[in-house]
Amino acid sequence: MSERTKDSDGRRFSIGLWSEIPAGGRWANEGISRMLGFLIEGAAKTHKYKFCVCVSNGLGRVVRDDFSALAAVEYIDWEVFETPDRVALQTTTEQRDLISKFGLVDGLVQQALYANQSVPVDAWIIPHPHFTTAVLLDKPRATLVADAIPFDFSVAWRGTHYFGDNGHWTRWQRNVSAALATSDVVVTHSMHNALKALIELLNCPPERLIILPNAAVDIIESLPWLKERRRTTETRLRAHAIVREYFHQHGPAYLADFPFEEHDYLVISTRDRPQKNIVKIVEAVATLNRKKNRNLKIITTAHIEHGEWTRLPDFISGERYHLDFISTPDLPRDVHAALYHGSVMSIHSSFFEGGTGGFPFFESNSVGVPGAQAFGPHVDELLDYMPTIRPYCFDPYDTNDVIRAIELVLDHREEALQIQSEAYQRHSSVYDWTHVVNAWGRALFGETAAGPFFAGPTAGIFGAYSFAEEMARQKADGAALEPDRFNGNAA
């Protein structure tokens, strides 16, 4: 790793973000793409880093449109490098061996050759481990492994074409393990994911593994007119004007004139995946509406697709719940924030995330809206640092407990908002996105870039830490971490 500092030559560290999403693929304001935006905003506040985003031909405009909404300046804090339509570059013998080993496709090979020649970076972040063409890049790499969901929830990937001897996910495991062995640093967001996905499943070398939690998300800058983290009648009207204007321009037409102000609605900001458990929230809200005379609606950013992916589409259809469950995917950042601000609460029902906590709970808190979230290993780790939010966490398998959490927020909304806001402020005051980007800088460039990592959970400090060093400390303390500690049963 380079030990060069910014001050030694007067310029920022240049960090590449490598993407293998094809032209026409989904680059949406969700998941890892959303996290990269927060990372860039954190970097903008430090004035120490510039992110260079290398994408396939045809994807540049989509990425620019997304990142242009950030509190960061193009060409100073970030820049998109779109691979030209034709790249006439030759591979070396070593590169051809890697191409053969990983079965790399020509278009992405040419993108990597273009990146080596034309994208001015000091090191790379590889945001998905299956972006294995990154093995051709000629600068140091830190590979992020956020999770390995199909191996924990294989119900959505049935058949030998997924998990047979040469199935998709079998090949994924084999290729990712081999690629991680060539990565200079491997990063994940939580100890539970490090133990289960990195060490147990992918045989990641422990000495290369960094636990780097994401910070509490703050989306208030997407609503520059919101001066305080507080919803009023006036700010709610303004938020809904933004939402309606978006739907007026982009559809669906019936939402352009939807009377949002006349309805209490919950926001579910996530994708529809087996572990996301959205159907449990729909069941709970349906029960509240029909048996407890509530009049609640749900607005979600999830695409709803019929098939065997989850029970959600069949439940909505079978229960005739179309008018109370509204899907609004692919929202831009300001509309997404406005939708949160106008809601009565957020709710995140996932019983597994690869990180520490989940984005939606913090996102809504940051714009003055309380939330509730499901217990799981990701929340277990968070509660070690934020114990006061425990009453607003629920058993993801128990509809009655989901109802309890929803009613606790709805019936005592101001109290919930105060407790959650205080916890949010304490958390974000000691660990924000500048800490996160500095931890990435430390992982890539050494202590001269950003100072040492935090001491880790043993010291009771929330932040980034070395997996190997933390395990050694715990062993020395006679309290080695048990994988079962993170079993999602903290209720």
Protein backbone atom coordinates (compact mmCIF):
# COMPACT_ATOMS: atom_id res chain seq x y z
CA MET A 1 0.00 0.00 0.00
CA SER A 2 1.08 3.54 -0.70
CA GLU A 3 2.11 5.62 2.28
CA ARG A 4 1.98 8.90 0.31
CA THR A 5 0.10 11.70 2.02
CA LYS A 6 -1.95 14.41 0.38
CA ASP A 7 0.35 17.11 1.67
CA SER A 8 3.48 15.58 0.14
CA ASP A 9 2.48 16.60 -3.39
CA GLY A 10 -0.41 18.97 -2.77
CA ARG A 11 -3.20 16.90 -4.27
CA ARG A 12 -5.96 14.70 -2.97
CA PHE A 13 -5.84 10.95 -2.75
CA SER A 14 -7.58 9.60 -5.83
CA ILE A 15 -9.74 6.56 -5.13
CA GLY A 16 -11.31 4.59 -7.95
CA LEU A 17 -14.79 3.09 -7.73
CA TRP A 18 -15.00 0.12 -10.08
CA SER A 19 -18.34 -0.89 -11.63
CA GLU A 20 -19.19 -3.82 -13.87
CA ILE A 21 -22.87 -2.91 -14.24
CA PRO A 22 -23.62 -3.10 -17.99
CA ALA A 23 -25.22 -0.38 -20.07
CA GLY A 24 -28.96 -0.60 -19.48
CA GLY A 25 -28.41 -2.21 -16.07
CA ARG A 26 -29.91 -0.73 -12.92
CA TRP A 27 -27.85 1.93 -11.21
CA ALA A 28 -30.46 3.02 -8.70
CA ASN A 29 -30.54 5.12 -5.56
CA GLU A 30 -30.49 2.01 -3.40
CA GLY A 31 -28.17 -0.55 -1.83
CA ILE A 32 -24.46 -0.22 -2.55
CA SER A 33 -24.97 2.60 -5.07
CA ARG A 34 -26.67 4.61 -2.34
CA MET A 35 -23.84 3.88 0.08
CA LEU A 36 -21.25 5.08 -2.44
CA GLY A 37 -23.08 8.41 -2.60
CA PHE A 38 -22.81 8.83 1.17
CA LEU A 39 -19.13 7.93 0.94
CA ILE A 40 -18.52 10.64 -1.65
CA GLU A 41 -20.36 13.19 0.50
CA GLY A 42 -18.16 12.25 3.45
CA ALA A 43 -15.06 12.64 1.28
CA ALA A 44 -16.22 16.08 0.15
CA LYS A 45 -16.18 17.27 3.76
CA THR A 46 -12.61 16.08 4.34
CA HIS A 47 -11.10 17.72 1.22
CA LYS A 48 -8.65 14.82 1.15
CA TYR A 49 -10.09 12.46 -1.46
CA LYS A 50 -11.44 12.45 -4.98
CA PHE A 51 -13.47 9.49 -6.24
CA CYS A 52 -13.07 8.42 -9.86
CA VAL A 53 -15.95 6.20 -10.93
CA CYS A 54 -15.15 3.86 -13.83
CA VAL A 55 -18.25 2.55 -15.61
CA SER A 56 -19.12 0.70 -18.79
CA ASN A 57 -19.91 2.45 -22.04
CA GLY A 58 -23.46 3.78 -21.95
CA LEU A 59 -23.76 4.09 -18.16
CA GLY A 60 -21.98 7.40 -17.60
CA ARG A 61 -25.00 9.67 -17.83
CA VAL A 62 -27.06 7.59 -15.38
CA VAL A 63 -24.30 7.71 -12.77
CA ARG A 64 -23.70 11.43 -13.28
CA ASP A 65 -27.41 12.16 -12.87
CA ASP A 66 -27.44 10.23 -9.58
CA PHE A 67 -24.27 11.75 -8.12
CA SER A 68 -25.13 15.28 -9.25
CA ALA A 69 -27.71 15.34 -6.43
CA LEU A 70 -24.98 14.82 -3.82
CA ALA A 71 -23.52 17.45 -1.52
CA ALA A 72 -20.29 17.14 -3.49
CA VAL A 73 -18.79 18.85 -6.55
CA GLU A 74 -18.20 17.06 -9.84
CA TYR A 75 -14.56 17.05 -11.02
CA ILE A 76 -13.40 18.06 -7.53
CA ASP A 77 -14.94 15.46 -5.23
CA TRP A 78 -15.95 12.94 -7.89
CA GLU A 79 -15.67 12.28 -11.60
CA VAL A 80 -17.17 9.65 -13.88
CA PHE A 81 -14.95 7.88 -16.39
CA GLU A 82 -17.03 6.12 -19.04
CA THR A 83 -15.26 3.43 -21.04
CA PRO A 84 -15.06 4.39 -24.73
CA ASP A 85 -17.03 2.39 -27.27
CA ARG A 86 -13.80 0.93 -28.64
CA VAL A 87 -10.66 0.26 -26.68
CA ALA A 88 -7.70 -1.00 -28.71
CA LEU A 89 -5.36 -2.14 -25.94
CA GLN A 90 -3.37 -5.35 -25.67
CA THR A 91 -3.21 -7.74 -22.72
CA THR A 92 -0.08 -9.15 -21.15
CA THR A 93 0.63 -12.83 -20.62
CA GLU A 94 -0.17 -12.47 -16.91
CA GLN A 95 -3.47 -10.75 -17.70
CA ARG A 96 -4.41 -13.45 -20.21
CA ASP A 97 -3.83 -16.07 -17.52
CA LEU A 98 -6.23 -14.20 -15.20
CA ILE A 99 -8.78 -13.81 -18.00
CA SER A 100 -8.73 -17.56 -18.52
CA LYS A 101 -8.82 -18.38 -14.79
CA PHE A 102 -11.83 -16.19 -14.03
CA GLY A 103 -13.62 -16.53 -17.37
CA LEU A 104 -13.60 -12.75 -17.92
CA VAL A 105 -15.60 -11.29 -20.80
CA ASP A 106 -13.96 -9.11 -23.44
CA GLY A 107 -15.98 -5.94 -22.83
CA LEU A 108 -15.02 -5.78 -19.16
CA VAL A 109 -11.44 -6.73 -19.97
CA GLN A 110 -11.25 -3.71 -22.26
CA GLN A 111 -12.77 -1.56 -19.48
CA ALA A 112 -10.02 -2.68 -17.08
CA LEU A 113 -7.31 -1.95 -19.66
CA TYR A 114 -8.85 1.50 -20.23
CA ALA A 115 -8.92 2.09 -16.47
CA ASN A 116 -5.24 1.17 -16.09
CA GLN A 117 -4.28 3.60 -18.82
CA SER A 118 -6.71 6.49 -18.41
CA VAL A 119 -8.31 6.63 -14.93
CA PRO A 120 -5.91 8.51 -12.61
CA VAL A 121 -6.26 6.68 -9.30
CA ASP A 122 -3.94 5.68 -6.47
CA ALA A 123 -6.08 2.70 -5.42
CA TRP A 124 -9.46 1.09 -6.08
CA ILE A 125 -12.57 0.22 -4.10
CA ILE A 126 -14.37 -2.78 -5.59
CA PRO A 127 -17.94 -2.42 -4.25
CA HIS A 128 -19.11 -5.94 -5.16
CA PRO A 129 -16.97 -9.08 -4.79
CA HIS A 130 -18.32 -10.60 -8.01
CA PHE A 131 -16.78 -7.72 -9.99
CA THR A 132 -13.88 -10.09 -10.60
CA THR A 133 -12.52 -8.31 -13.69
CA ALA A 134 -10.95 -6.02 -11.09
CA VAL A 135 -8.14 -8.59 -10.80
CA LEU A 136 -6.73 -6.95 -13.95
CA LEU A 137 -6.42 -3.51 -12.34
CA ASP A 138 -2.84 -2.45 -11.68
CA LYS A 139 -3.34 -0.40 -8.50
CA PRO A 140 -4.03 -1.63 -4.94
CA ARG A 141 -7.58 -2.87 -4.31
CA ALA A 142 -9.94 -2.98 -1.36
CA THR A 143 -12.86 -5.31 -2.05
CA LEU A 144 -16.16 -4.87 -0.22
CA VAL A 145 -18.19 -7.95 0.68
CA ALA A 146 -21.45 -6.56 2.04
CA ASP A 147 -23.14 -9.96 2.41
CA ALA A 148 -23.65 -13.37 0.81
CA ILE A 149 -27.44 -13.50 0.94
CA PRO A 150 -28.08 -16.52 -1.36
CA PHE A 151 -26.10 -18.78 0.95
CA ASP A 152 -28.20 -17.76 3.95
CA PHE A 153 -31.59 -17.57 2.21
CA SER A 154 -31.39 -19.98 -0.69
CA VAL A 155 -35.19 -20.38 -0.84
CA ALA A 156 -35.27 -17.82 -3.67
CA TRP A 157 -32.59 -19.62 -5.68
CA ARG A 158 -33.87 -23.16 -6.06
CA GLY A 159 -32.48 -25.76 -8.42
CA THR A 160 -29.15 -27.23 -9.44
CA HIS A 161 -28.58 -24.36 -11.89
CA TYR A 162 -27.99 -22.23 -8.77
CA PHE A 163 -26.27 -24.59 -6.34
CA GLY A 164 -25.27 -27.64 -8.39
CA ASP A 165 -21.65 -28.61 -9.01
CA ASN A 166 -21.38 -25.89 -11.64
CA GLY A 167 -24.34 -23.78 -10.54
CA HIS A 168 -24.34 -20.00 -10.61
CA TRP A 169 -23.77 -19.50 -6.89
CA THR A 170 -21.31 -22.39 -6.68
CA ARG A 171 -19.22 -20.63 -9.35
CA TRP A 172 -19.76 -17.31 -7.55
CA GLN A 173 -18.30 -18.73 -4.34
CA ARG A 174 -15.32 -20.23 -6.17
CA ASN A 175 -14.52 -17.10 -8.20
CA VAL A 176 -15.06 -14.65 -5.35
CA SER A 177 -12.83 -16.67 -3.01
CA ALA A 178 -10.08 -16.66 -5.64
CA ALA A 179 -10.50 -12.93 -6.31
CA LEU A 180 -10.39 -12.05 -2.61
CA ALA A 181 -7.09 -13.90 -2.34
CA THR A 182 -5.63 -11.33 -4.76
CA SER A 183 -7.20 -8.27 -3.10
CA ASP A 184 -4.89 -6.15 -0.97
CA VAL A 185 -7.63 -5.49 1.59
CA VAL A 186 -11.06 -7.05 2.15
CA VAL A 187 -13.74 -4.92 3.82
CA THR A 188 -17.07 -5.79 5.36
CA HIS A 189 -19.49 -3.79 7.49
CA SER A 190 -20.00 -6.02 10.55
CA MET A 191 -18.48 -8.71 12.72
CA HIS A 192 -21.36 -11.13 12.08
CA ASN A 193 -20.81 -10.92 8.32
CA ALA A 194 -17.05 -11.24 8.75
CA LEU A 195 -17.45 -14.47 10.68
CA LYS A 196 -20.14 -16.08 8.54
CA ALA A 197 -19.52 -14.86 4.99
CA LEU A 198 -15.84 -13.96 4.88
CA ILE A 199 -14.17 -16.48 7.18
CA GLU A 200 -16.55 -19.46 7.04
CA LEU A 201 -17.83 -19.25 3.45
CA LEU A 202 -15.13 -17.47 1.43
CA ASN A 203 -11.97 -18.42 3.35
CA CYS A 204 -10.81 -14.81 3.46
CA PRO A 205 -7.32 -14.36 4.94
CA PRO A 206 -8.06 -12.86 8.41
CA GLU A 207 -5.07 -10.53 8.32
CA ARG A 208 -6.50 -8.74 5.27
CA LEU A 209 -9.98 -8.27 6.71
CA ILE A 210 -11.21 -4.89 7.97
CA ILE A 211 -14.55 -4.36 9.75
CA LEU A 212 -15.73 -0.97 8.55
CA PRO A 213 -19.28 -0.11 9.68
CA ASN A 214 -21.28 2.48 7.81
CA ALA A 215 -22.19 5.62 9.71
CA ALA A 216 -25.68 6.78 10.55
CA VAL A 217 -27.15 8.12 7.33
CA ASP A 218 -28.03 11.81 7.11
CA ILE A 219 -30.23 12.84 4.18
CA ILE A 220 -31.29 16.28 5.43
CA GLU A 221 -29.12 17.99 2.81
CA SER A 222 -31.43 16.56 0.15
CA LEU A 223 -34.06 18.93 1.62
CA PRO A 224 -32.10 22.21 1.95
CA TRP A 225 -35.20 24.08 3.09
CA LEU A 226 -35.56 21.78 6.14
CA LYS A 227 -33.64 23.73 8.76
CA GLU A 228 -34.38 21.45 11.69
CA ARG A 229 -34.96 17.72 11.96
CA ARG A 230 -38.62 18.31 12.68
CA ARG A 231 -41.78 17.76 10.65
CA THR A 232 -44.42 20.51 10.69
CA THR A 233 -47.59 21.00 8.69
CA GLU A 234 -45.75 23.45 6.45
CA THR A 235 -42.72 21.21 5.83
CA ARG A 236 -44.94 18.22 5.17
CA LEU A 237 -46.85 20.18 2.51
CA ARG A 238 -43.58 21.21 0.91
CA ALA A 239 -42.29 17.64 0.92
CA HIS A 240 -45.44 16.34 -0.71
CA ALA A 241 -45.29 19.06 -3.37
CA ILE A 242 -41.87 17.67 -4.35
CA VAL A 243 -43.21 14.13 -4.44
CA ARG A 244 -46.26 15.06 -6.52
CA GLU A 245 -44.20 17.09 -8.98
CA TYR A 246 -41.94 14.10 -9.54
CA PHE A 247 -44.89 11.81 -10.23
CA HIS A 248 -46.44 14.45 -12.47
CA GLN A 249 -43.31 14.34 -14.63
CA HIS A 250 -42.44 10.67 -14.42
CA GLY A 251 -45.65 8.84 -13.49
CA PRO A 252 -47.59 6.97 -12.43
CA ALA A 253 -50.25 9.55 -13.19
CA TYR A 254 -52.57 8.65 -10.31
CA LEU A 255 -49.87 9.66 -7.78
CA ALA A 256 -49.46 13.12 -9.33
CA ASP A 257 -52.65 14.21 -7.56
CA PHE A 258 -52.58 11.75 -4.67
CA PRO A 259 -53.69 13.42 -1.40
CA PHE A 260 -50.66 12.40 0.66
CA GLU A 261 -51.55 14.91 3.38
CA GLU A 262 -54.84 13.14 4.04
CA HIS A 263 -53.24 9.78 4.80
CA ASP A 264 -50.88 8.46 7.43
CA TYR A 265 -48.42 6.33 5.53
CA LEU A 266 -45.44 4.22 6.51
CA VAL A 267 -42.33 4.17 4.32
CA ILE A 268 -40.56 0.89 3.56
CA SER A 269 -37.34 1.82 1.79
CA THR A 270 -35.74 -1.40 0.62
CA ARG A 271 -35.84 -4.03 -2.11
CA ASP A 272 -38.13 -7.04 -2.12
CA ARG A 273 -35.80 -9.89 -1.16
CA PRO A 274 -36.43 -13.03 0.94
CA GLN A 275 -34.71 -11.60 4.03
CA LYS A 276 -36.35 -8.18 3.70
CA ASN A 277 -39.60 -9.66 5.03
CA ILE A 278 -41.84 -6.91 3.65
CA VAL A 279 -44.89 -9.15 3.67
CA LYS A 280 -44.82 -9.27 7.46
CA ILE A 281 -45.27 -5.48 7.61
CA VAL A 282 -48.12 -5.64 5.12
CA GLU A 283 -49.82 -8.33 7.23
CA ALA A 284 -49.42 -6.19 10.35
CA VAL A 285 -50.76 -3.01 8.72
CA ALA A 286 -53.66 -4.92 7.17
CA THR A 287 -54.54 -6.21 10.65
CA LEU A 288 -54.33 -2.70 12.13
CA ASN A 289 -56.61 -1.32 9.42
CA ARG A 290 -59.23 -4.06 9.57
CA LYS A 291 -59.33 -4.92 13.25
CA LYS A 292 -58.18 -1.73 15.00
CA ASN A 293 -59.78 0.88 12.76
CA ARG A 294 -56.52 2.40 11.62
CA ASN A 295 -56.32 3.97 8.18
CA LEU A 296 -52.70 3.38 7.23
CA LYS A 297 -51.06 3.06 3.86
CA ILE A 298 -47.65 1.73 2.93
CA ILE A 299 -45.39 3.36 0.36
CA THR A 300 -42.34 1.36 -0.64
CA THR A 301 -39.37 1.86 -2.93
CA ALA A 302 -39.33 -1.86 -3.72
CA HIS A 303 -40.10 -3.28 -7.14
CA ILE A 304 -42.91 -5.81 -6.76
CA GLU A 305 -42.35 -8.74 -9.09
CA HIS A 306 -44.57 -11.80 -9.30
CA GLY A 307 -42.96 -15.22 -9.01
CA GLU A 308 -41.33 -17.29 -6.29
CA TRP A 309 -39.04 -14.49 -5.07
CA THR A 310 -41.21 -13.68 -2.00
CA ARG A 311 -44.81 -14.08 -0.79
CA LEU A 312 -45.46 -10.34 -1.14
CA PRO A 313 -47.03 -10.15 -4.63
CA ASP A 314 -49.41 -13.04 -3.95
CA PHE A 315 -50.43 -11.57 -0.59
CA ILE A 316 -51.23 -8.17 -2.10
CA SER A 317 -53.21 -9.79 -4.89
CA GLY A 318 -55.02 -12.29 -2.69
CA GLU A 319 -55.95 -9.73 -0.06
CA ARG A 320 -56.87 -7.05 -2.63
CA TYR A 321 -54.44 -4.71 -0.96
CA HIS A 322 -53.46 -2.73 -4.07
CA LEU A 323 -54.92 0.58 -2.86
CA ASP A 324 -53.12 0.50 0.50
CA PHE A 325 -49.71 -0.67 -0.75
CA ILE A 326 -48.00 1.65 -3.23
CA SER A 327 -44.72 0.83 -4.98
CA THR A 328 -42.58 3.81 -6.08
CA PRO A 329 -39.15 2.45 -7.08
CA ASP A 330 -36.06 4.27 -8.37
CA LEU A 331 -36.75 7.62 -6.69
CA PRO A 332 -34.07 10.32 -6.93
CA ARG A 333 -32.45 11.35 -3.67
CA ASP A 334 -34.48 14.51 -3.01
CA VAL A 335 -37.83 12.83 -3.72
CA HIS A 336 -36.83 9.88 -1.56
CA ALA A 337 -36.01 12.22 1.34
CA ALA A 338 -39.27 14.15 0.83
CA LEU A 339 -41.28 10.94 0.90
CA TYR A 340 -39.69 10.04 4.25
CA HIS A 341 -40.35 13.51 5.68
CA GLY A 342 -44.03 13.35 4.82
CA SER A 343 -44.54 9.93 6.38
CA VAL A 344 -45.80 9.11 9.85
CA MET A 345 -42.94 6.64 10.36
CA SER A 346 -40.46 4.40 8.62
CA ILE A 347 -40.26 0.66 9.15
CA HIS A 348 -37.53 -1.79 8.18
CA SER A 349 -38.51 -5.42 8.46
CA SER A 350 -35.32 -7.13 7.29
CA PHE A 351 -34.14 -9.85 9.66
CA PHE A 352 -30.66 -9.85 8.14
CA GLU A 353 -28.37 -7.14 6.81
CA GLY A 354 -24.66 -7.40 6.22
CA GLY A 355 -23.95 -4.19 8.08
CA THR A 356 -24.43 -2.78 11.56
CA GLY A 357 -27.98 -1.50 11.68
CA GLY A 358 -29.91 -0.54 8.54
CA PHE A 359 -30.13 2.67 6.51
CA PRO A 360 -33.92 3.33 6.68
CA PHE A 361 -34.13 3.82 10.45
CA PHE A 362 -31.39 6.46 10.38
CA GLU A 363 -32.60 8.05 7.14
CA SER A 364 -36.01 8.82 8.56
CA ASN A 365 -34.55 10.02 11.88
CA SER A 366 -32.34 12.47 10.00
CA VAL A 367 -35.40 14.22 8.51
CA GLY A 368 -37.48 14.23 11.68
CA VAL A 369 -39.43 10.99 11.36
CA PRO A 370 -39.34 8.12 13.88
CA GLY A 371 -39.04 4.51 12.83
CA ALA A 372 -39.08 0.87 13.83
CA GLN A 373 -36.85 -1.97 12.71
CA ALA A 374 -36.64 -5.74 13.05
CA PHE A 375 -34.22 -7.55 15.31
CA GLY A 376 -31.44 -9.39 13.54
CA PRO A 377 -27.67 -9.79 13.84
CA HIS A 378 -27.15 -6.36 12.29
CA VAL A 379 -29.36 -4.71 14.92
CA ASP A 380 -27.85 -6.80 17.73
CA GLU A 381 -24.48 -5.18 17.02
CA LEU A 382 -26.05 -1.72 16.84
CA LEU A 383 -27.86 -2.10 20.18
CA ASP A 384 -24.52 -2.49 21.92
CA TYR A 385 -24.02 1.20 21.16
CA MET A 386 -27.65 2.45 21.00
CA PRO A 387 -29.57 0.56 23.75
CA THR A 388 -32.31 3.19 24.06
CA ILE A 389 -33.83 2.28 20.68
CA ARG A 390 -34.54 -1.33 21.74
CA PRO A 391 -38.31 -0.73 22.35
CA TYR A 392 -38.63 0.26 18.69
CA CYS A 393 -37.20 -3.05 17.49
CA PHE A 394 -39.47 -6.03 16.87
CA ASP A 395 -39.43 -9.76 16.31
CA PRO A 396 -39.51 -10.11 12.50
CA TYR A 397 -41.39 -13.42 12.70
CA ASP A 398 -44.18 -12.24 15.00
CA THR A 399 -46.96 -10.15 13.45
CA ASN A 400 -48.23 -9.14 16.90
CA ASP A 401 -44.83 -7.76 17.85
CA VAL A 402 -44.67 -5.83 14.58
CA ILE A 403 -48.06 -4.34 15.48
CA ARG A 404 -46.76 -3.48 18.97
CA ALA A 405 -43.81 -1.56 17.54
CA ILE A 406 -45.94 0.30 15.00
CA GLU A 407 -48.50 1.32 17.62
CA LEU A 408 -45.77 2.34 20.05
CA VAL A 409 -44.53 4.85 17.49
CA LEU A 410 -47.96 5.99 16.26
CA ASP A 411 -49.48 6.45 19.73
CA HIS A 412 -46.41 8.09 21.27
CA ARG A 413 -44.85 9.67 18.21
CA GLU A 414 -43.20 12.68 19.85
CA GLU A 415 -41.66 10.55 22.59
CA ALA A 416 -40.40 8.05 20.01
CA LEU A 417 -38.91 10.84 17.91
CA GLN A 418 -37.17 12.40 20.91
CA ILE A 419 -35.63 9.11 22.09
CA GLN A 420 -34.54 8.12 18.60
CA SER A 421 -33.26 11.59 17.71
CA GLU A 422 -31.12 11.74 20.83
CA ALA A 423 -29.65 8.32 20.04
CA TYR A 424 -29.10 9.36 16.42
CA GLN A 425 -27.31 12.56 17.43
CA ARG A 426 -25.07 10.75 19.94
CA HIS A 427 -24.17 8.13 17.38
CA SER A 428 -23.52 10.50 14.48
CA SER A 429 -21.52 12.92 16.64
CA VAL A 430 -18.80 10.31 17.25
CA TYR A 431 -18.92 8.43 13.93
CA ASP A 432 -20.04 10.02 10.69
CA TRP A 433 -19.25 9.59 6.99
CA THR A 434 -15.97 11.51 7.29
CA HIS A 435 -14.86 8.78 9.71
CA VAL A 436 -16.03 6.14 7.23
CA VAL A 437 -14.13 7.60 4.27
CA ASN A 438 -11.04 8.12 6.43
CA ALA A 439 -11.22 4.46 7.43
CA TRP A 440 -11.29 3.51 3.75
CA GLY A 441 -8.32 5.82 3.27
CA ARG A 442 -6.50 4.15 6.16
CA ALA A 443 -7.22 0.72 4.66
CA LEU A 444 -5.90 1.78 1.25
CA PHE A 445 -3.05 4.13 2.05
CA GLY A 446 -1.90 3.43 5.61
CA GLU A 447 -1.88 5.50 8.78
CA THR A 448 -0.33 8.52 7.08
CA ALA A 449 -3.64 9.06 5.25
CA ALA A 450 -6.08 8.98 8.10
CA GLY A 451 -4.51 7.82 11.34
CA PRO A 452 -5.05 4.46 13.06
CA PHE A 453 -8.29 2.51 13.17
CA PHE A 454 -10.52 2.54 16.21
CA ALA A 455 -9.79 -0.01 18.91
CA GLY A 456 -12.80 -2.16 18.06
CA PRO A 457 -15.73 -3.54 20.11
CA THR A 458 -13.48 -4.64 22.97
CA ALA A 459 -12.91 -0.97 23.75
CA GLY A 460 -16.61 -0.16 23.38
CA ILE A 461 -15.93 2.26 20.53
CA PHE A 462 -18.00 2.24 17.37
CA GLY A 463 -15.82 2.40 14.26
CA ALA A 464 -13.51 0.55 11.90
CA TYR A 465 -11.08 -2.05 13.15
CA SER A 466 -8.87 -4.91 12.06
CA PHE A 467 -10.59 -8.29 12.31
CA ALA A 468 -7.36 -10.12 13.21
CA GLU A 469 -6.35 -7.57 15.86
CA GLU A 470 -9.81 -7.59 17.45
CA MET A 471 -9.88 -11.38 17.61
CA ALA A 472 -6.41 -11.39 19.16
CA ARG A 473 -7.53 -8.88 21.81
CA GLN A 474 -10.60 -10.93 22.62
CA LYS A 475 -8.55 -14.10 22.86
CA ALA A 476 -6.13 -12.34 25.21
CA ASP A 477 -9.10 -11.24 27.31
CA GLY A 478 -10.36 -14.81 27.46
CA ALA A 479 -13.58 -13.86 25.68
CA ALA A 480 -13.20 -14.98 22.10
CA LEU A 481 -16.19 -14.03 20.00
CA GLU A 482 -18.70 -16.79 19.36
CA PRO A 483 -20.51 -16.74 15.99
CA ASP A 484 -23.76 -17.62 17.82
CA ARG A 485 -23.52 -14.29 19.62
CA PHE A 486 -25.08 -12.75 16.51
CA ASN A 487 -28.10 -14.98 16.08
CA GLY A 488 -30.80 -12.35 15.70
CA ASN A 489 -32.62 -13.29 18.92
CA ALA A 490 -32.06 -10.15 20.93
CA ALA A 491 -35.73 -9.48 21.63
